[in-house]
Amino acid sequence: MTFYTIEFLKNQNDSMGVIYWSMFLILLVTFAGLELMYVKNRQRGRYRDFAILVLLVAFFVIGLRIEALDGLKQVTNNKSQLVTVLEQVADSEGVSKDKVAIDNQTVSSNMIVKVDKEYFELKFNNDMNSYTLSPATVTVPDKQIEVKTGDK
């Protein structure tokens, strides 16, 4: 069972974004190189064709990235809502924010919150605007429970 701290939720970055932008940069450098070769050897049209093909693939990668941004906005909103809830739980239980963790990275109706060494069930109401916190018993052995912090 894995729990995620506030720090982890705040610092988690979009690694796919790095992959997309790296691919885009490689495609642009390839396009520039092929265009240079085409200008150097004007009589050979194959460099121009390769350059156009690479440019089209680059536009496709940009389109994928733009589409992924919409999903990223929703994930960011979910995580910020989770961070807010965890901060409220820490304040209500009187513990520091680094001792609070949750078992999910997205908002769902039933979640388990770890506060120091205690566990609570976090239930949202139907419109996800309020929640109740009740004590819970976790049957998983302690050695199978992992808490991911911001530095892992």
N, C-alpha and C. Protein backbone atom coordinates (compact mmCIF):
# COMPACT_ATOMS: atom_id res chain seq x y z
N MET A 1 0.85 -1.17 0.00
CA MET A 1 0.00 0.00 0.00
C MET A 1 0.90 1.23 0.00
N THR A 2 0.64 2.15 -0.90
CA THR A 2 1.47 3.34 -1.05
C THR A 2 0.70 4.58 -0.64
N PHE A 3 1.36 5.43 0.15
CA PHE A 3 0.80 6.71 0.56
C PHE A 3 1.66 7.82 -0.01
N TYR A 4 1.05 8.95 -0.29
CA TYR A 4 1.74 10.10 -0.88
C TYR A 4 1.59 11.31 0.02
N THR A 5 2.71 11.96 0.34
CA THR A 5 2.68 13.13 1.21
C THR A 5 2.33 14.38 0.40
N ILE A 6 2.08 15.46 1.12
CA ILE A 6 1.78 16.74 0.49
C ILE A 6 2.95 17.17 -0.39
N GLU A 7 4.15 17.00 0.13
CA GLU A 7 5.35 17.40 -0.61
C GLU A 7 5.47 16.63 -1.93
N PHE A 8 5.16 15.34 -1.89
CA PHE A 8 5.21 14.52 -3.11
C PHE A 8 4.20 15.02 -4.13
N LEU A 9 2.98 15.30 -3.68
CA LEU A 9 1.93 15.75 -4.59
C LEU A 9 2.27 17.11 -5.20
N LYS A 10 2.92 17.97 -4.43
CA LYS A 10 3.28 19.29 -4.94
C LYS A 10 4.44 19.23 -5.93
N ASN A 11 5.39 18.34 -5.68
CA ASN A 11 6.62 18.32 -6.47
C ASN A 11 6.59 17.38 -7.65
N GLN A 12 5.57 16.57 -7.74
CA GLN A 12 5.54 15.60 -8.84
C GLN A 12 5.40 16.34 -10.16
N ASN A 13 6.30 16.09 -11.06
CA ASN A 13 6.27 16.78 -12.35
C ASN A 13 5.81 15.84 -13.45
N ASP A 14 5.56 16.43 -14.56
CA ASP A 14 5.07 15.67 -15.70
C ASP A 14 6.27 15.19 -16.52
N SER A 15 6.70 13.95 -16.30
CA SER A 15 7.87 13.43 -17.01
C SER A 15 7.58 13.23 -18.49
N MET A 16 6.33 12.99 -18.84
CA MET A 16 6.00 12.85 -20.26
C MET A 16 6.22 14.15 -21.00
N GLY A 17 6.06 15.28 -20.32
CA GLY A 17 6.31 16.57 -20.94
C GLY A 17 7.76 16.70 -21.38
N VAL A 18 8.66 16.21 -20.56
CA VAL A 18 10.08 16.26 -20.91
C VAL A 18 10.34 15.39 -22.14
N ILE A 19 9.72 14.23 -22.20
CA ILE A 19 9.89 13.33 -23.34
C ILE A 19 9.35 13.98 -24.62
N TYR A 20 8.15 14.56 -24.55
CA TYR A 20 7.57 15.20 -25.72
C TYR A 20 8.44 16.35 -26.22
N TRP A 21 8.88 17.21 -25.31
CA TRP A 21 9.68 18.36 -25.73
C TRP A 21 11.05 17.92 -26.23
N SER A 22 11.61 16.85 -25.68
CA SER A 22 12.88 16.33 -26.18
C SER A 22 12.71 15.80 -27.60
N MET A 23 11.62 15.06 -27.83
CA MET A 23 11.35 14.57 -29.18
C MET A 23 11.18 15.73 -30.15
N PHE A 24 10.47 16.75 -29.73
CA PHE A 24 10.23 17.91 -30.58
C PHE A 24 11.55 18.61 -30.92
N LEU A 25 12.42 18.77 -29.93
CA LEU A 25 13.71 19.41 -30.16
C LEU A 25 14.57 18.59 -31.14
N ILE A 26 14.59 17.28 -30.96
CA ILE A 26 15.34 16.42 -31.88
C ILE A 26 14.79 16.54 -33.30
N LEU A 27 13.46 16.56 -33.42
CA LEU A 27 12.86 16.69 -34.75
C LEU A 27 13.19 18.03 -35.39
N LEU A 28 13.19 19.10 -34.60
CA LEU A 28 13.53 20.41 -35.15
C LEU A 28 14.98 20.47 -35.60
N VAL A 29 15.88 19.90 -34.82
CA VAL A 29 17.30 19.89 -35.21
C VAL A 29 17.47 19.05 -36.48
N THR A 30 16.77 17.93 -36.55
CA THR A 30 16.83 17.10 -37.76
C THR A 30 16.28 17.86 -38.96
N PHE A 31 15.17 18.58 -38.76
CA PHE A 31 14.59 19.37 -39.83
C PHE A 31 15.57 20.43 -40.30
N ALA A 32 16.19 21.13 -39.37
CA ALA A 32 17.16 22.17 -39.74
C ALA A 32 18.33 21.56 -40.51
N GLY A 33 18.82 20.42 -40.07
CA GLY A 33 19.92 19.75 -40.77
C GLY A 33 19.54 19.34 -42.18
N LEU A 34 18.35 18.78 -42.33
CA LEU A 34 17.90 18.36 -43.66
C LEU A 34 17.68 19.57 -44.58
N GLU A 35 17.16 20.65 -44.04
CA GLU A 35 16.98 21.86 -44.84
C GLU A 35 18.32 22.41 -45.29
N LEU A 36 19.31 22.36 -44.41
CA LEU A 36 20.66 22.81 -44.76
C LEU A 36 21.22 21.95 -45.89
N MET A 37 21.02 20.66 -45.79
CA MET A 37 21.52 19.76 -46.84
C MET A 37 20.78 20.01 -48.15
N TYR A 38 19.50 20.33 -48.07
CA TYR A 38 18.73 20.61 -49.29
C TYR A 38 19.23 21.89 -49.96
N VAL A 39 19.48 22.92 -49.17
CA VAL A 39 19.97 24.18 -49.73
C VAL A 39 21.35 23.96 -50.36
N LYS A 40 22.17 23.13 -49.73
CA LYS A 40 23.52 22.85 -50.23
C LYS A 40 23.47 22.08 -51.55
N ASN A 41 22.55 21.12 -51.65
CA ASN A 41 22.42 20.28 -52.84
C ASN A 41 21.04 20.46 -53.45
N ARG A 42 20.81 21.57 -54.10
CA ARG A 42 19.47 21.90 -54.61
C ARG A 42 18.93 20.89 -55.62
N GLN A 43 19.78 20.26 -56.34
CA GLN A 43 19.30 19.37 -57.38
C GLN A 43 18.74 18.06 -56.81
N ARG A 44 19.03 17.74 -55.55
CA ARG A 44 18.51 16.51 -54.96
C ARG A 44 17.27 16.82 -54.13
N GLY A 45 16.15 16.32 -54.56
CA GLY A 45 14.90 16.62 -53.88
C GLY A 45 14.63 15.76 -52.66
N ARG A 46 15.43 14.72 -52.47
CA ARG A 46 15.11 13.82 -51.37
C ARG A 46 15.30 14.48 -50.01
N TYR A 47 16.26 15.40 -49.88
CA TYR A 47 16.44 16.10 -48.60
C TYR A 47 15.22 16.96 -48.28
N ARG A 48 14.66 17.57 -49.31
CA ARG A 48 13.47 18.38 -49.11
C ARG A 48 12.31 17.50 -48.65
N ASP A 49 12.17 16.33 -49.27
CA ASP A 49 11.10 15.42 -48.89
C ASP A 49 11.26 14.93 -47.45
N PHE A 50 12.48 14.58 -47.08
CA PHE A 50 12.74 14.16 -45.70
C PHE A 50 12.46 15.29 -44.72
N ALA A 51 12.84 16.51 -45.11
CA ALA A 51 12.62 17.67 -44.23
C ALA A 51 11.12 17.91 -44.02
N ILE A 52 10.36 17.78 -45.08
CA ILE A 52 8.91 17.97 -44.96
C ILE A 52 8.31 16.88 -44.08
N LEU A 53 8.76 15.65 -44.25
CA LEU A 53 8.28 14.55 -43.43
C LEU A 53 8.60 14.78 -41.95
N VAL A 54 9.80 15.21 -41.66
CA VAL A 54 10.20 15.49 -40.27
C VAL A 54 9.38 16.63 -39.70
N LEU A 55 9.13 17.67 -40.50
CA LEU A 55 8.33 18.79 -40.04
C LEU A 55 6.90 18.35 -39.72
N LEU A 56 6.33 17.48 -40.55
CA LEU A 56 4.98 16.98 -40.28
C LEU A 56 4.95 16.16 -38.98
N VAL A 57 5.96 15.36 -38.75
CA VAL A 57 6.03 14.59 -37.51
C VAL A 57 6.16 15.54 -36.32
N ALA A 58 6.93 16.62 -36.47
CA ALA A 58 7.08 17.61 -35.40
C ALA A 58 5.73 18.25 -35.08
N PHE A 59 4.95 18.58 -36.11
CA PHE A 59 3.63 19.14 -35.87
C PHE A 59 2.72 18.13 -35.17
N PHE A 60 2.84 16.88 -35.52
CA PHE A 60 2.07 15.83 -34.85
C PHE A 60 2.42 15.77 -33.36
N VAL A 61 3.72 15.85 -33.04
CA VAL A 61 4.15 15.83 -31.64
C VAL A 61 3.61 17.05 -30.90
N ILE A 62 3.62 18.20 -31.54
CA ILE A 62 3.05 19.41 -30.91
C ILE A 62 1.57 19.20 -30.64
N GLY A 63 0.86 18.62 -31.60
CA GLY A 63 -0.57 18.35 -31.39
C GLY A 63 -0.82 17.42 -30.22
N LEU A 64 0.01 16.37 -30.09
CA LEU A 64 -0.12 15.47 -28.95
C LEU A 64 0.12 16.21 -27.64
N ARG A 65 1.10 17.09 -27.63
CA ARG A 65 1.44 17.83 -26.41
C ARG A 65 0.31 18.77 -26.02
N ILE A 66 -0.27 19.45 -26.99
CA ILE A 66 -1.37 20.37 -26.70
C ILE A 66 -2.56 19.59 -26.15
N GLU A 67 -2.83 18.43 -26.71
CA GLU A 67 -3.92 17.59 -26.21
C GLU A 67 -3.64 17.14 -24.78
N ALA A 68 -2.39 16.82 -24.49
CA ALA A 68 -2.03 16.37 -23.15
C ALA A 68 -2.13 17.49 -22.12
N LEU A 69 -2.01 18.73 -22.56
CA LEU A 69 -2.10 19.86 -21.62
C LEU A 69 -3.47 19.95 -20.97
N ASP A 70 -4.53 19.61 -21.71
CA ASP A 70 -5.88 19.63 -21.13
C ASP A 70 -5.99 18.62 -19.99
N GLY A 71 -5.48 17.42 -20.22
CA GLY A 71 -5.49 16.40 -19.16
C GLY A 71 -4.62 16.80 -18.00
N LEU A 72 -3.50 17.47 -18.29
CA LEU A 72 -2.60 17.92 -17.24
C LEU A 72 -3.25 18.96 -16.34
N LYS A 73 -4.06 19.83 -16.92
CA LYS A 73 -4.77 20.83 -16.12
C LYS A 73 -5.72 20.16 -15.13
N GLN A 74 -6.42 19.12 -15.58
CA GLN A 74 -7.35 18.41 -14.71
C GLN A 74 -6.60 17.69 -13.59
N VAL A 75 -5.49 17.05 -13.93
CA VAL A 75 -4.69 16.35 -12.92
C VAL A 75 -4.14 17.35 -11.90
N THR A 76 -3.69 18.51 -12.37
CA THR A 76 -3.17 19.54 -11.47
C THR A 76 -4.26 20.03 -10.53
N ASN A 77 -5.46 20.22 -11.05
CA ASN A 77 -6.58 20.64 -10.20
C ASN A 77 -6.89 19.59 -9.14
N ASN A 78 -6.90 18.31 -9.53
CA ASN A 78 -7.14 17.22 -8.58
C ASN A 78 -6.09 17.21 -7.48
N LYS A 79 -4.83 17.35 -7.88
CA LYS A 79 -3.75 17.31 -6.89
C LYS A 79 -3.80 18.51 -5.96
N SER A 80 -4.15 19.68 -6.49
CA SER A 80 -4.24 20.85 -5.62
C SER A 80 -5.41 20.70 -4.64
N GLN A 81 -6.49 20.05 -5.07
CA GLN A 81 -7.60 19.80 -4.15
C GLN A 81 -7.17 18.80 -3.07
N LEU A 82 -6.42 17.76 -3.45
CA LEU A 82 -5.91 16.81 -2.47
C LEU A 82 -4.97 17.48 -1.47
N VAL A 83 -4.09 18.35 -1.97
CA VAL A 83 -3.16 19.06 -1.08
C VAL A 83 -3.93 19.91 -0.09
N THR A 84 -4.96 20.60 -0.55
CA THR A 84 -5.78 21.43 0.34
C THR A 84 -6.45 20.58 1.41
N VAL A 85 -7.02 19.45 1.02
CA VAL A 85 -7.67 18.56 1.98
C VAL A 85 -6.66 18.03 2.99
N LEU A 86 -5.48 17.61 2.53
CA LEU A 86 -4.46 17.10 3.45
C LEU A 86 -3.99 18.18 4.42
N GLU A 87 -3.86 19.41 3.96
CA GLU A 87 -3.48 20.50 4.85
C GLU A 87 -4.56 20.74 5.90
N GLN A 88 -5.83 20.65 5.49
CA GLN A 88 -6.94 20.80 6.45
C GLN A 88 -6.94 19.67 7.47
N VAL A 89 -6.66 18.45 7.02
CA VAL A 89 -6.61 17.31 7.93
C VAL A 89 -5.47 17.49 8.93
N ALA A 90 -4.32 17.94 8.45
CA ALA A 90 -3.19 18.18 9.34
C ALA A 90 -3.53 19.23 10.39
N ASP A 91 -4.19 20.29 9.98
CA ASP A 91 -4.59 21.34 10.93
C ASP A 91 -5.62 20.81 11.94
N SER A 92 -6.61 20.06 11.46
CA SER A 92 -7.65 19.57 12.37
C SER A 92 -7.12 18.51 13.34
N GLU A 93 -6.12 17.73 12.92
CA GLU A 93 -5.55 16.70 13.79
C GLU A 93 -4.39 17.23 14.63
N GLY A 94 -3.95 18.43 14.34
CA GLY A 94 -2.89 19.04 15.13
C GLY A 94 -1.50 18.44 14.91
N VAL A 95 -1.22 18.01 13.69
CA VAL A 95 0.10 17.46 13.37
C VAL A 95 0.72 18.31 12.26
N SER A 96 2.02 18.14 12.10
CA SER A 96 2.68 18.89 11.02
C SER A 96 2.28 18.30 9.67
N LYS A 97 2.39 19.11 8.64
CA LYS A 97 1.93 18.70 7.31
C LYS A 97 2.75 17.58 6.70
N ASP A 98 3.98 17.39 7.17
CA ASP A 98 4.80 16.31 6.61
C ASP A 98 4.46 14.95 7.22
N LYS A 99 3.58 14.90 8.20
CA LYS A 99 3.16 13.62 8.80
C LYS A 99 1.82 13.13 8.27
N VAL A 100 1.32 13.81 7.24
CA VAL A 100 0.03 13.44 6.65
C VAL A 100 0.27 12.92 5.24
N ALA A 101 -0.36 11.78 4.92
CA ALA A 101 -0.23 11.19 3.58
C ALA A 101 -1.56 10.57 3.18
N ILE A 102 -1.74 10.37 1.88
CA ILE A 102 -2.99 9.82 1.36
C ILE A 102 -2.67 8.69 0.38
N ASP A 103 -3.61 7.77 0.23
CA ASP A 103 -3.34 6.56 -0.56
C ASP A 103 -3.65 6.70 -2.04
N ASN A 104 -3.96 7.88 -2.51
CA ASN A 104 -4.34 8.06 -3.90
C ASN A 104 -3.80 9.40 -4.40
N GLN A 105 -3.50 9.49 -5.68
CA GLN A 105 -3.01 10.74 -6.25
C GLN A 105 -4.11 11.54 -6.94
N THR A 106 -5.29 10.97 -7.04
CA THR A 106 -6.42 11.68 -7.61
C THR A 106 -7.58 11.62 -6.62
N VAL A 107 -8.47 12.57 -6.74
CA VAL A 107 -9.61 12.65 -5.83
C VAL A 107 -10.60 11.55 -6.15
N SER A 108 -10.97 10.80 -5.13
CA SER A 108 -12.02 9.79 -5.27
C SER A 108 -12.87 9.84 -4.01
N SER A 109 -13.99 9.16 -4.01
CA SER A 109 -14.93 9.29 -2.90
C SER A 109 -14.44 8.64 -1.61
N ASN A 110 -13.73 7.53 -1.70
CA ASN A 110 -13.22 6.84 -0.50
C ASN A 110 -11.71 6.72 -0.58
N MET A 111 -11.04 7.34 0.39
CA MET A 111 -9.58 7.28 0.43
C MET A 111 -9.13 7.06 1.87
N ILE A 112 -7.93 6.57 2.02
CA ILE A 112 -7.34 6.36 3.35
C ILE A 112 -6.28 7.44 3.56
N VAL A 113 -6.34 8.08 4.71
CA VAL A 113 -5.37 9.12 5.08
C VAL A 113 -4.56 8.60 6.24
N LYS A 114 -3.24 8.72 6.13
CA LYS A 114 -2.33 8.33 7.21
C LYS A 114 -1.90 9.61 7.92
N VAL A 115 -2.25 9.71 9.19
CA VAL A 115 -1.87 10.86 10.02
C VAL A 115 -0.95 10.33 11.10
N ASP A 116 0.34 10.62 10.95
CA ASP A 116 1.38 10.12 11.84
C ASP A 116 1.33 8.59 11.82
N LYS A 117 0.84 7.95 12.88
CA LYS A 117 0.76 6.48 12.88
C LYS A 117 -0.68 5.99 12.86
N GLU A 118 -1.63 6.88 12.71
CA GLU A 118 -3.05 6.54 12.69
C GLU A 118 -3.57 6.59 11.25
N TYR A 119 -4.67 5.87 11.01
CA TYR A 119 -5.28 5.84 9.69
C TYR A 119 -6.73 6.29 9.80
N PHE A 120 -7.16 7.07 8.80
CA PHE A 120 -8.53 7.57 8.75
C PHE A 120 -9.09 7.33 7.36
N GLU A 121 -10.41 7.11 7.33
CA GLU A 121 -11.10 7.00 6.05
C GLU A 121 -11.64 8.37 5.70
N LEU A 122 -11.33 8.81 4.50
CA LEU A 122 -11.77 10.12 4.02
C LEU A 122 -12.85 9.90 2.99
N LYS A 123 -14.06 10.34 3.30
CA LYS A 123 -15.19 10.18 2.37
C LYS A 123 -15.67 11.55 1.95
N PHE A 124 -15.77 11.75 0.64
CA PHE A 124 -16.34 12.98 0.10
C PHE A 124 -17.83 12.80 -0.09
N ASN A 125 -18.58 13.91 -0.02
CA ASN A 125 -20.00 13.83 -0.32
C ASN A 125 -20.18 13.77 -1.84
N ASN A 126 -21.40 13.72 -2.31
CA ASN A 126 -21.66 13.52 -3.74
C ASN A 126 -21.11 14.63 -4.63
N ASP A 127 -21.15 15.87 -4.17
CA ASP A 127 -20.65 16.95 -5.01
C ASP A 127 -19.17 17.28 -4.77
N MET A 128 -18.50 16.46 -3.95
CA MET A 128 -17.06 16.56 -3.69
C MET A 128 -16.66 17.91 -3.08
N ASN A 129 -17.59 18.56 -2.36
CA ASN A 129 -17.28 19.84 -1.74
C ASN A 129 -16.99 19.73 -0.25
N SER A 130 -17.37 18.64 0.36
CA SER A 130 -17.09 18.45 1.78
C SER A 130 -16.74 16.98 2.01
N TYR A 131 -16.14 16.73 3.16
CA TYR A 131 -15.70 15.37 3.45
C TYR A 131 -15.90 15.06 4.92
N THR A 132 -15.91 13.76 5.22
CA THR A 132 -15.92 13.31 6.60
C THR A 132 -14.68 12.45 6.82
N LEU A 133 -14.19 12.52 8.04
CA LEU A 133 -12.98 11.79 8.40
C LEU A 133 -13.33 10.89 9.57
N SER A 134 -13.16 9.59 9.38
CA SER A 134 -13.46 8.65 10.45
C SER A 134 -12.29 7.68 10.62
N PRO A 135 -12.05 7.21 11.85
CA PRO A 135 -10.93 6.27 12.08
C PRO A 135 -11.10 5.01 11.24
N ALA A 136 -9.98 4.48 10.81
CA ALA A 136 -9.99 3.27 9.99
C ALA A 136 -8.91 2.32 10.48
N THR A 137 -9.12 1.05 10.22
CA THR A 137 -8.14 0.03 10.56
C THR A 137 -7.58 -0.53 9.27
N VAL A 138 -6.26 -0.49 9.15
CA VAL A 138 -5.60 -1.01 7.96
C VAL A 138 -5.09 -2.41 8.27
N THR A 139 -5.43 -3.36 7.43
CA THR A 139 -5.06 -4.75 7.68
C THR A 139 -3.74 -5.13 7.01
N VAL A 140 -3.16 -4.22 6.28
CA VAL A 140 -1.89 -4.48 5.60
C VAL A 140 -0.76 -4.37 6.63
N PRO A 141 0.20 -5.30 6.63
CA PRO A 141 1.32 -5.19 7.57
C PRO A 141 2.14 -3.92 7.32
N ASP A 142 2.72 -3.38 8.39
CA ASP A 142 3.47 -2.13 8.29
C ASP A 142 4.61 -2.20 7.29
N LYS A 143 5.23 -3.35 7.12
CA LYS A 143 6.36 -3.44 6.20
C LYS A 143 5.91 -3.35 4.74
N GLN A 144 4.62 -3.51 4.47
CA GLN A 144 4.11 -3.37 3.11
C GLN A 144 3.57 -1.98 2.83
N ILE A 145 3.66 -1.08 3.79
CA ILE A 145 3.18 0.28 3.62
C ILE A 145 4.37 1.17 3.28
N GLU A 146 4.24 1.87 2.17
CA GLU A 146 5.31 2.76 1.71
C GLU A 146 4.75 4.18 1.66
N VAL A 147 5.53 5.13 2.17
CA VAL A 147 5.15 6.54 2.13
C VAL A 147 6.12 7.25 1.21
N LYS A 148 5.61 7.79 0.12
CA LYS A 148 6.45 8.53 -0.83
C LYS A 148 6.44 10.01 -0.46
N THR A 149 7.63 10.53 -0.24
CA THR A 149 7.77 11.95 0.07
C THR A 149 8.26 12.69 -1.16
N GLY A 150 8.43 13.99 -1.05
CA GLY A 150 8.82 14.81 -2.19
C GLY A 150 10.21 14.52 -2.71
N ASP A 151 11.09 13.92 -1.90
CA ASP A 151 12.47 13.69 -2.33
C ASP A 151 12.68 12.30 -2.89
N LYS A 152 11.65 11.48 -3.02
CA LYS A 152 11.81 10.11 -3.56
C LYS A 152 11.28 10.03 -4.95
